[in-house]
Amino acid sequence: MITEKKFPMTVAGKQKLEEELEFLKTVKRKEIVERIKIARSYGDLSENSEYDSAKEDQGFLEGKISSLESMIRNSVIITEDELNTDEVRLGKTVTFKELPDGDEETYTIVGSAEANPIEGLISNDSPIAKGLIGRRKDDEVKIMTPGGEMLVIIVEIK
């Protein structure tokens, strides 16, 4: 029996996924069904690009719904006890500075299902997070990234 991948996440992250799933099931699904119905009314489906496009979108949507359902079903909530520590862990916000003279950067380490680097949420599977997890304030850390090695110092952990 194959065990499904677990998705560590915060309560807020799980709630966000549940809201997205609900929106896709109740709003987007209906929109696509309506597009398919309209496209069918045009007649011959063999050369109907509107129909083909709507069916393609339907397939993509159903895949996204299935993926979200799996993430929610296999979610592992990060508890407060796991957050109450002075080391970098999943769910913690860490500020670090690239050495020798880089700017400070702040990220919250979350599970892959919640990751959104634009919003400052990085996956625990990312090279930066992997390098920081388990470390403490004032630790200097070498991190191997796709762009090469970087040396950082941890400034703050919240």
Protein backbone atom coordinates (compact mmCIF):
# COMPACT_ATOMS: atom_id res chain seq x y z
CA MET A 1 0.00 0.00 0.00
CA ILE A 2 1.36 3.40 -0.98
CA THR A 3 1.19 6.04 1.73
CA GLU A 4 0.18 9.47 0.57
CA LYS A 5 2.45 12.45 1.12
CA LYS A 6 1.68 14.43 4.28
CA PHE A 7 1.25 18.19 3.93
CA PRO A 8 2.35 20.13 7.01
CA MET A 9 0.49 23.43 7.34
CA THR A 10 -0.85 26.00 9.70
CA VAL A 11 -4.52 26.19 10.64
CA ALA A 12 -4.80 29.36 8.54
CA GLY A 13 -3.16 27.64 5.58
CA LYS A 14 -5.60 24.73 5.74
CA GLN A 15 -8.52 27.14 5.98
CA LYS A 16 -7.27 29.01 2.90
CA LEU A 17 -7.09 25.74 0.94
CA GLU A 18 -10.59 24.76 2.08
CA GLU A 19 -11.94 28.15 0.94
CA GLU A 20 -10.23 27.80 -2.44
CA LEU A 21 -11.65 24.29 -2.82
CA GLU A 22 -15.15 25.48 -1.98
CA PHE A 23 -14.86 28.32 -4.55
CA LEU A 24 -13.66 25.96 -7.27
CA LYS A 25 -16.45 23.46 -6.58
CA THR A 26 -19.31 25.93 -6.26
CA VAL A 27 -18.39 28.79 -8.58
CA LYS A 28 -15.77 27.77 -11.14
CA ARG A 29 -17.30 24.34 -11.81
CA LYS A 30 -20.67 25.94 -12.62
CA GLU A 31 -19.03 28.52 -14.89
CA ILE A 32 -17.27 25.82 -16.91
CA VAL A 33 -20.38 23.66 -17.15
CA GLU A 34 -22.24 26.70 -18.50
CA ARG A 35 -19.44 27.36 -21.03
CA ILE A 36 -19.65 23.74 -22.22
CA LYS A 37 -23.44 23.99 -22.55
CA ILE A 38 -23.17 27.19 -24.62
CA ALA A 39 -20.41 25.74 -26.80
CA ARG A 40 -22.52 22.61 -27.47
CA SER A 41 -25.33 24.82 -28.73
CA TYR A 42 -23.04 25.98 -31.57
CA GLY A 43 -23.44 22.59 -33.22
CA ASP A 44 -20.62 20.48 -34.66
CA LEU A 45 -18.22 19.67 -31.81
CA SER A 46 -15.45 18.39 -34.09
CA GLU A 47 -14.34 21.92 -35.04
CA ASN A 48 -15.65 23.83 -32.02
CA SER A 49 -12.74 25.61 -30.35
CA GLU A 50 -14.97 27.04 -27.59
CA TYR A 51 -16.04 23.52 -26.65
CA ASP A 52 -12.46 22.20 -26.75
CA SER A 53 -11.25 25.10 -24.60
CA ALA A 54 -14.03 24.64 -22.04
CA LYS A 55 -13.40 20.88 -21.81
CA GLU A 56 -9.67 21.51 -21.38
CA ASP A 57 -10.40 24.02 -18.60
CA GLN A 58 -12.76 21.49 -17.01
CA GLY A 59 -10.00 18.88 -16.93
CA PHE A 60 -7.56 21.35 -15.40
CA LEU A 61 -10.14 22.40 -12.79
CA GLU A 62 -10.96 18.82 -11.80
CA GLY A 63 -7.24 18.11 -11.42
CA LYS A 64 -6.85 21.15 -9.17
CA ILE A 65 -9.87 20.12 -7.09
CA SER A 66 -8.46 16.60 -6.70
CA SER A 67 -5.08 17.99 -5.68
CA LEU A 68 -6.59 20.34 -3.08
CA GLU A 69 -8.75 17.53 -1.66
CA SER A 70 -5.64 15.36 -1.28
CA MET A 71 -3.69 18.15 0.44
CA ILE A 72 -6.54 18.83 2.85
CA ARG A 73 -7.14 15.13 3.54
CA ASN A 74 -3.42 14.58 4.23
CA SER A 75 -2.76 17.81 6.08
CA VAL A 76 -0.77 17.75 9.30
CA ILE A 77 -1.45 20.83 11.41
CA ILE A 78 1.54 22.51 13.00
CA THR A 79 0.70 22.86 16.69
CA GLU A 80 1.55 25.71 19.07
CA ASP A 81 3.89 23.38 21.00
CA GLU A 82 5.96 22.95 17.86
CA LEU A 83 6.11 26.73 17.44
CA ASN A 84 7.18 27.47 21.03
CA THR A 85 10.89 27.03 20.53
CA ASP A 86 13.84 29.29 19.82
CA GLU A 87 14.99 27.35 16.79
CA VAL A 88 13.90 27.64 13.17
CA ARG A 89 11.02 25.24 12.49
CA LEU A 90 8.00 24.83 10.31
CA GLY A 91 5.57 27.67 11.06
CA LYS A 92 8.27 30.03 12.31
CA THR A 93 9.14 33.38 10.78
CA VAL A 94 12.88 33.83 10.37
CA THR A 95 14.86 36.94 9.48
CA PHE A 96 18.36 36.44 8.14
CA LYS A 97 21.05 38.54 6.52
CA GLU A 98 23.22 37.36 3.68
CA LEU A 99 26.90 37.80 4.53
CA PRO A 100 29.04 39.74 4.13
CA ASP A 101 26.81 42.74 3.47
CA GLY A 102 23.42 41.67 2.14
CA ASP A 103 19.99 42.99 3.07
CA GLU A 104 17.82 41.33 5.68
CA GLU A 105 15.17 38.96 4.36
CA THR A 106 12.21 37.60 6.30
CA TYR A 107 10.29 34.43 5.48
CA THR A 108 7.80 32.18 7.19
CA ILE A 109 8.54 28.50 6.72
CA VAL A 110 5.41 26.59 5.75
CA GLY A 111 4.49 23.31 4.10
CA SER A 112 4.60 23.07 0.32
CA ALA A 113 0.80 23.40 0.08
CA GLU A 114 0.95 26.90 1.62
CA ALA A 115 4.13 28.18 -0.02
CA ASN A 116 3.93 31.55 -1.76
CA PRO A 117 7.34 33.27 -1.92
CA ILE A 118 5.78 36.54 -3.10
CA GLU A 119 3.92 36.68 0.23
CA GLY A 120 7.04 35.66 2.17
CA LEU A 121 5.94 32.03 2.65
CA ILE A 122 8.61 29.51 1.67
CA SER A 123 8.25 25.75 1.52
CA ASN A 124 10.02 23.59 4.08
CA ASP A 125 11.29 21.69 1.01
CA SER A 126 13.09 24.77 -0.38
CA PRO A 127 16.90 24.96 -0.15
CA ILE A 128 16.77 28.05 2.11
CA ALA A 129 14.30 26.47 4.55
CA LYS A 130 16.21 23.19 4.61
CA GLY A 131 19.37 25.10 5.49
CA LEU A 132 17.70 27.12 8.25
CA ILE A 133 15.55 24.48 9.97
CA GLY A 134 16.99 23.44 13.32
CA ARG A 135 19.25 26.48 13.57
CA ARG A 136 19.11 29.27 16.19
CA LYS A 137 19.48 33.04 16.37
CA ASP A 138 23.02 34.26 15.55
CA ASP A 139 23.92 30.98 13.80
CA GLU A 140 25.86 31.41 10.57
CA VAL A 141 24.56 29.00 7.96
CA LYS A 142 25.86 27.94 4.55
CA ILE A 143 22.95 27.30 2.21
CA MET A 144 23.26 25.59 -1.14
CA THR A 145 20.83 27.16 -3.62
CA PRO A 146 20.42 26.58 -7.35
CA GLY A 147 22.28 29.89 -7.81
CA GLY A 148 25.21 28.73 -5.69
CA GLU A 149 26.26 28.80 -2.07
CA MET A 150 25.19 31.62 0.22
CA LEU A 151 26.27 32.38 3.78
CA VAL A 152 23.66 33.90 6.08
CA ILE A 153 23.33 34.83 9.72
CA ILE A 154 20.03 34.35 11.52
CA VAL A 155 18.94 37.69 12.97
CA GLU A 156 15.54 36.84 14.46
CA ILE A 157 13.14 33.94 14.91
CA LYS A 158 9.45 34.49 15.72
